[in-house]
Amino acid sequence: MGEFSPSHWLIVGIVVVLLFGSKRLPDAARALGRSMRILKSETQGLRDDTAPAADTAPDAAFVPDAIQRAEPDTAQDKRDLAARLREEAARIESAAPTAKTT
C-alpha cells in the first residue's frame, strides 16, 4: 500500500462526487468544519479545566469598568474591592435565568 499519486487522489475525488453528488458535498464539508470547530473548542475547554489555575483573578471581560480601574493599594482597599466584586457577582447571578428541573 504505497503512496498515493495525484492521479489516485483524482480518482478518489471523482468516486466521492459520484457517490454523494455535487450538491451534497458543500453541505457535508460545512458540517465537517463545524464539527471540527466544536471538537477543537471542547478539547480546549477540557485542557483549560484540567490545567492548574495560576491566576485566580476574575476575567476582565466580565468585570465592570469601575471595578477594573480600581487598583487596591492597602488591605482595606482590597477588602472593599472584594466586596464590590461579590456584590456584582450576586447581581449577575440574580439576573441570570435559572434552569428549571423537571
N, C-alpha and C. Protein backbone atom coordinates (compact mmCIF):
# COMPACT_ATOMS: atom_id res chain seq x y z
N MET A 1 0.84 -1.18 0.00
CA MET A 1 0.00 0.00 0.00
C MET A 1 0.88 1.24 0.00
N GLY A 2 1.40 1.60 -1.13
CA GLY A 2 2.35 2.69 -1.24
C GLY A 2 1.69 4.06 -1.16
N GLU A 3 2.46 5.06 -1.55
CA GLU A 3 1.95 6.42 -1.51
C GLU A 3 0.96 6.66 -2.64
N PHE A 4 0.05 7.60 -2.40
CA PHE A 4 -0.92 7.96 -3.43
C PHE A 4 -0.33 9.05 -4.32
N SER A 5 -0.49 8.89 -5.61
CA SER A 5 -0.05 9.92 -6.55
C SER A 5 -1.24 10.84 -6.83
N PRO A 6 -1.03 11.98 -7.46
CA PRO A 6 -2.14 12.89 -7.76
C PRO A 6 -3.25 12.22 -8.59
N SER A 7 -2.89 11.30 -9.45
CA SER A 7 -3.93 10.63 -10.23
C SER A 7 -4.81 9.74 -9.34
N HIS A 8 -4.21 9.14 -8.32
CA HIS A 8 -5.00 8.36 -7.37
C HIS A 8 -6.01 9.25 -6.64
N TRP A 9 -5.55 10.41 -6.18
CA TRP A 9 -6.44 11.34 -5.46
C TRP A 9 -7.55 11.84 -6.38
N LEU A 10 -7.25 12.04 -7.66
CA LEU A 10 -8.26 12.46 -8.62
C LEU A 10 -9.34 11.40 -8.76
N ILE A 11 -8.93 10.16 -8.85
CA ILE A 11 -9.91 9.06 -8.95
C ILE A 11 -10.74 8.98 -7.68
N VAL A 12 -10.11 9.11 -6.53
CA VAL A 12 -10.86 9.10 -5.26
C VAL A 12 -11.86 10.25 -5.23
N GLY A 13 -11.47 11.42 -5.67
CA GLY A 13 -12.37 12.57 -5.71
C GLY A 13 -13.55 12.34 -6.63
N ILE A 14 -13.31 11.78 -7.79
CA ILE A 14 -14.40 11.50 -8.74
C ILE A 14 -15.37 10.49 -8.13
N VAL A 15 -14.86 9.47 -7.48
CA VAL A 15 -15.73 8.47 -6.85
C VAL A 15 -16.58 9.11 -5.75
N VAL A 16 -15.99 9.98 -4.95
CA VAL A 16 -16.74 10.66 -3.89
C VAL A 16 -17.85 11.52 -4.48
N VAL A 17 -17.54 12.27 -5.54
CA VAL A 17 -18.56 13.10 -6.19
C VAL A 17 -19.68 12.23 -6.75
N LEU A 18 -19.33 11.12 -7.37
CA LEU A 18 -20.35 10.23 -7.91
C LEU A 18 -21.21 9.61 -6.82
N LEU A 19 -20.60 9.25 -5.70
CA LEU A 19 -21.35 8.62 -4.61
C LEU A 19 -22.29 9.61 -3.91
N PHE A 20 -21.78 10.79 -3.58
CA PHE A 20 -22.55 11.72 -2.77
C PHE A 20 -23.27 12.80 -3.57
N GLY A 21 -22.85 13.05 -4.76
CA GLY A 21 -23.46 14.10 -5.57
C GLY A 21 -22.83 15.44 -5.28
N SER A 22 -22.80 16.29 -6.29
CA SER A 22 -22.11 17.58 -6.14
C SER A 22 -22.89 18.56 -5.28
N LYS A 23 -24.20 18.37 -5.13
CA LYS A 23 -24.99 19.29 -4.31
C LYS A 23 -24.81 19.04 -2.82
N ARG A 24 -24.56 17.80 -2.43
CA ARG A 24 -24.45 17.48 -1.02
C ARG A 24 -23.04 17.67 -0.48
N LEU A 25 -22.04 17.74 -1.33
CA LEU A 25 -20.66 17.87 -0.86
C LEU A 25 -20.38 19.18 -0.12
N PRO A 26 -20.84 20.35 -0.58
CA PRO A 26 -20.59 21.57 0.20
C PRO A 26 -21.24 21.53 1.58
N ASP A 27 -22.46 20.98 1.66
CA ASP A 27 -23.10 20.87 2.96
C ASP A 27 -22.33 19.93 3.88
N ALA A 28 -21.86 18.83 3.31
CA ALA A 28 -21.08 17.88 4.10
C ALA A 28 -19.77 18.52 4.57
N ALA A 29 -19.14 19.31 3.72
CA ALA A 29 -17.89 19.99 4.10
C ALA A 29 -18.15 21.01 5.21
N ARG A 30 -19.26 21.76 5.11
CA ARG A 30 -19.61 22.72 6.16
C ARG A 30 -19.87 22.00 7.49
N ALA A 31 -20.61 20.91 7.42
CA ALA A 31 -20.91 20.15 8.64
C ALA A 31 -19.63 19.60 9.26
N LEU A 32 -18.72 19.13 8.42
CA LEU A 32 -17.45 18.63 8.92
C LEU A 32 -16.63 19.76 9.56
N GLY A 33 -16.64 20.93 8.94
CA GLY A 33 -15.93 22.07 9.51
C GLY A 33 -16.50 22.49 10.85
N ARG A 34 -17.83 22.54 10.96
CA ARG A 34 -18.47 22.88 12.24
C ARG A 34 -18.10 21.85 13.31
N SER A 35 -18.16 20.58 12.92
CA SER A 35 -17.83 19.53 13.87
C SER A 35 -16.39 19.65 14.36
N MET A 36 -15.49 19.98 13.46
CA MET A 36 -14.09 20.14 13.84
C MET A 36 -13.91 21.34 14.78
N ARG A 37 -14.61 22.45 14.51
CA ARG A 37 -14.52 23.62 15.39
C ARG A 37 -15.07 23.29 16.78
N ILE A 38 -16.19 22.57 16.83
CA ILE A 38 -16.78 22.20 18.11
C ILE A 38 -15.83 21.28 18.87
N LEU A 39 -15.27 20.30 18.16
CA LEU A 39 -14.33 19.38 18.79
C LEU A 39 -13.11 20.13 19.33
N LYS A 40 -12.61 21.08 18.54
CA LYS A 40 -11.44 21.85 18.97
C LYS A 40 -11.76 22.68 20.21
N SER A 41 -12.92 23.34 20.24
CA SER A 41 -13.27 24.16 21.39
C SER A 41 -13.52 23.30 22.63
N GLU A 42 -14.12 22.12 22.45
CA GLU A 42 -14.35 21.24 23.59
C GLU A 42 -13.05 20.70 24.15
N THR A 43 -12.12 20.31 23.29
CA THR A 43 -10.85 19.81 23.79
C THR A 43 -10.06 20.93 24.46
N GLN A 44 -10.16 22.15 23.93
CA GLN A 44 -9.51 23.29 24.57
C GLN A 44 -10.12 23.55 25.94
N GLY A 45 -11.45 23.42 26.02
CA GLY A 45 -12.13 23.59 27.31
C GLY A 45 -11.70 22.54 28.31
N LEU A 46 -11.52 21.31 27.85
CA LEU A 46 -11.04 20.26 28.75
C LEU A 46 -9.63 20.55 29.23
N ARG A 47 -8.79 21.05 28.34
CA ARG A 47 -7.43 21.39 28.74
C ARG A 47 -7.44 22.52 29.76
N ASP A 48 -8.30 23.52 29.55
CA ASP A 48 -8.39 24.63 30.48
C ASP A 48 -8.92 24.18 31.83
N ASP A 49 -9.86 23.24 31.83
CA ASP A 49 -10.42 22.75 33.09
C ASP A 49 -9.40 21.95 33.88
N THR A 50 -8.56 21.20 33.20
CA THR A 50 -7.59 20.36 33.91
C THR A 50 -6.31 21.09 34.24
N ALA A 51 -6.05 22.22 33.59
CA ALA A 51 -4.83 22.98 33.87
C ALA A 51 -4.94 23.63 35.23
N PRO A 52 -3.84 23.69 35.99
CA PRO A 52 -3.90 24.34 37.30
C PRO A 52 -4.15 25.83 37.14
N ALA A 53 -4.96 26.36 37.99
CA ALA A 53 -5.32 27.78 37.92
C ALA A 53 -4.18 28.61 38.48
N ALA A 54 -3.40 29.21 37.59
CA ALA A 54 -2.27 30.03 38.00
C ALA A 54 -2.74 31.41 38.43
N ASP A 55 -3.78 31.89 37.79
CA ASP A 55 -4.29 33.22 38.08
C ASP A 55 -5.74 33.10 38.50
N THR A 56 -6.04 33.52 39.71
CA THR A 56 -7.41 33.41 40.20
C THR A 56 -8.17 34.72 40.06
N ALA A 57 -7.59 35.69 39.37
CA ALA A 57 -8.26 36.97 39.18
C ALA A 57 -9.45 36.79 38.25
N PRO A 58 -10.51 37.58 38.44
CA PRO A 58 -11.68 37.45 37.57
C PRO A 58 -11.36 37.85 36.14
N ASP A 59 -12.09 37.30 35.20
CA ASP A 59 -11.90 37.61 33.79
C ASP A 59 -12.26 39.07 33.56
N ALA A 60 -11.39 39.80 32.90
CA ALA A 60 -11.58 41.24 32.71
C ALA A 60 -12.81 41.55 31.87
N ALA A 61 -13.24 40.63 31.03
CA ALA A 61 -14.40 40.89 30.18
C ALA A 61 -15.68 40.97 30.99
N PHE A 62 -15.72 40.35 32.16
CA PHE A 62 -16.94 40.31 32.95
C PHE A 62 -16.93 41.27 34.13
N VAL A 63 -15.84 42.00 34.32
CA VAL A 63 -15.74 42.92 35.44
C VAL A 63 -16.10 44.32 34.95
N PRO A 64 -17.01 45.00 35.63
CA PRO A 64 -17.38 46.36 35.21
C PRO A 64 -16.18 47.29 35.18
N ASP A 65 -16.27 48.33 34.34
CA ASP A 65 -15.16 49.27 34.17
C ASP A 65 -14.76 49.93 35.48
N ALA A 66 -15.73 50.29 36.31
CA ALA A 66 -15.41 50.96 37.56
C ALA A 66 -14.56 50.07 38.45
N ILE A 67 -14.81 48.78 38.42
CA ILE A 67 -14.03 47.87 39.25
C ILE A 67 -12.69 47.59 38.60
N GLN A 68 -12.63 47.55 37.27
CA GLN A 68 -11.36 47.31 36.58
C GLN A 68 -10.36 48.43 36.87
N ARG A 69 -10.85 49.66 36.94
CA ARG A 69 -9.95 50.79 37.14
C ARG A 69 -9.43 50.86 38.57
N ALA A 70 -10.12 50.19 39.49
CA ALA A 70 -9.71 50.26 40.88
C ALA A 70 -8.42 49.47 41.08
N GLU A 71 -7.43 50.13 41.60
CA GLU A 71 -6.16 49.47 41.90
C GLU A 71 -5.95 49.54 43.41
N PRO A 72 -6.22 48.45 44.12
CA PRO A 72 -6.11 48.50 45.57
C PRO A 72 -4.66 48.64 46.02
N ASP A 73 -4.43 49.57 46.93
CA ASP A 73 -3.10 49.80 47.46
C ASP A 73 -2.97 49.25 48.88
N THR A 74 -4.04 49.32 49.64
CA THR A 74 -3.97 48.88 51.03
C THR A 74 -4.87 47.67 51.23
N ALA A 75 -4.77 47.08 52.39
CA ALA A 75 -5.59 45.91 52.72
C ALA A 75 -7.07 46.30 52.72
N GLN A 76 -7.37 47.49 53.21
CA GLN A 76 -8.77 47.94 53.23
C GLN A 76 -9.29 48.12 51.81
N ASP A 77 -8.48 48.66 50.92
CA ASP A 77 -8.89 48.82 49.53
C ASP A 77 -9.17 47.45 48.90
N LYS A 78 -8.33 46.48 49.23
CA LYS A 78 -8.54 45.14 48.70
C LYS A 78 -9.84 44.54 49.22
N ARG A 79 -10.15 44.76 50.49
CA ARG A 79 -11.41 44.25 51.05
C ARG A 79 -12.60 44.94 50.39
N ASP A 80 -12.49 46.25 50.17
CA ASP A 80 -13.57 46.99 49.50
C ASP A 80 -13.78 46.47 48.08
N LEU A 81 -12.69 46.24 47.37
CA LEU A 81 -12.79 45.71 46.01
C LEU A 81 -13.42 44.33 46.02
N ALA A 82 -13.03 43.49 46.96
CA ALA A 82 -13.60 42.15 47.06
C ALA A 82 -15.10 42.23 47.34
N ALA A 83 -15.50 43.17 48.18
CA ALA A 83 -16.93 43.33 48.49
C ALA A 83 -17.69 43.77 47.25
N ARG A 84 -17.12 44.70 46.48
CA ARG A 84 -17.79 45.14 45.24
C ARG A 84 -17.89 44.01 44.24
N LEU A 85 -16.84 43.20 44.16
CA LEU A 85 -16.88 42.06 43.25
C LEU A 85 -17.95 41.06 43.66
N ARG A 86 -18.08 40.80 44.97
CA ARG A 86 -19.12 39.90 45.44
C ARG A 86 -20.51 40.45 45.12
N GLU A 87 -20.69 41.75 45.32
CA GLU A 87 -21.98 42.38 45.02
C GLU A 87 -22.29 42.26 43.53
N GLU A 88 -21.30 42.49 42.69
CA GLU A 88 -21.50 42.40 41.24
C GLU A 88 -21.81 40.96 40.83
N ALA A 89 -21.12 40.01 41.43
CA ALA A 89 -21.39 38.60 41.13
C ALA A 89 -22.80 38.22 41.56
N ALA A 90 -23.24 38.70 42.71
CA ALA A 90 -24.61 38.41 43.17
C ALA A 90 -25.63 39.04 42.24
N ARG A 91 -25.34 40.27 41.75
CA ARG A 91 -26.26 40.93 40.84
C ARG A 91 -26.38 40.15 39.54
N ILE A 92 -25.25 39.71 39.00
CA ILE A 92 -25.25 38.95 37.76
C ILE A 92 -25.95 37.62 37.96
N GLU A 93 -25.67 36.98 39.08
CA GLU A 93 -26.28 35.68 39.36
C GLU A 93 -27.79 35.80 39.50
N SER A 94 -28.26 36.88 40.10
CA SER A 94 -29.71 37.04 40.28
C SER A 94 -30.37 37.42 38.95
N ALA A 95 -29.63 38.04 38.05
CA ALA A 95 -30.20 38.42 36.76
C ALA A 95 -30.22 37.27 35.77
N ALA A 96 -29.38 36.26 35.98
CA ALA A 96 -29.30 35.13 35.07
C ALA A 96 -30.55 34.26 35.22
N PRO A 97 -31.09 33.77 34.10
CA PRO A 97 -32.26 32.90 34.19
C PRO A 97 -31.88 31.57 34.85
N THR A 98 -32.75 31.08 35.67
CA THR A 98 -32.48 29.81 36.35
C THR A 98 -33.05 28.67 35.53
N ALA A 99 -32.36 27.55 35.55
CA ALA A 99 -32.81 26.36 34.80
C ALA A 99 -33.86 25.62 35.60
N LYS A 100 -34.94 25.26 34.93
CA LYS A 100 -35.99 24.52 35.60
C LYS A 100 -35.67 23.03 35.53
N THR A 101 -35.82 22.35 36.65
CA THR A 101 -35.64 20.90 36.66
C THR A 101 -36.99 20.25 36.66
N THR A 102 -37.13 19.22 35.84
CA THR A 102 -38.43 18.54 35.77
C THR A 102 -38.32 17.14 36.28
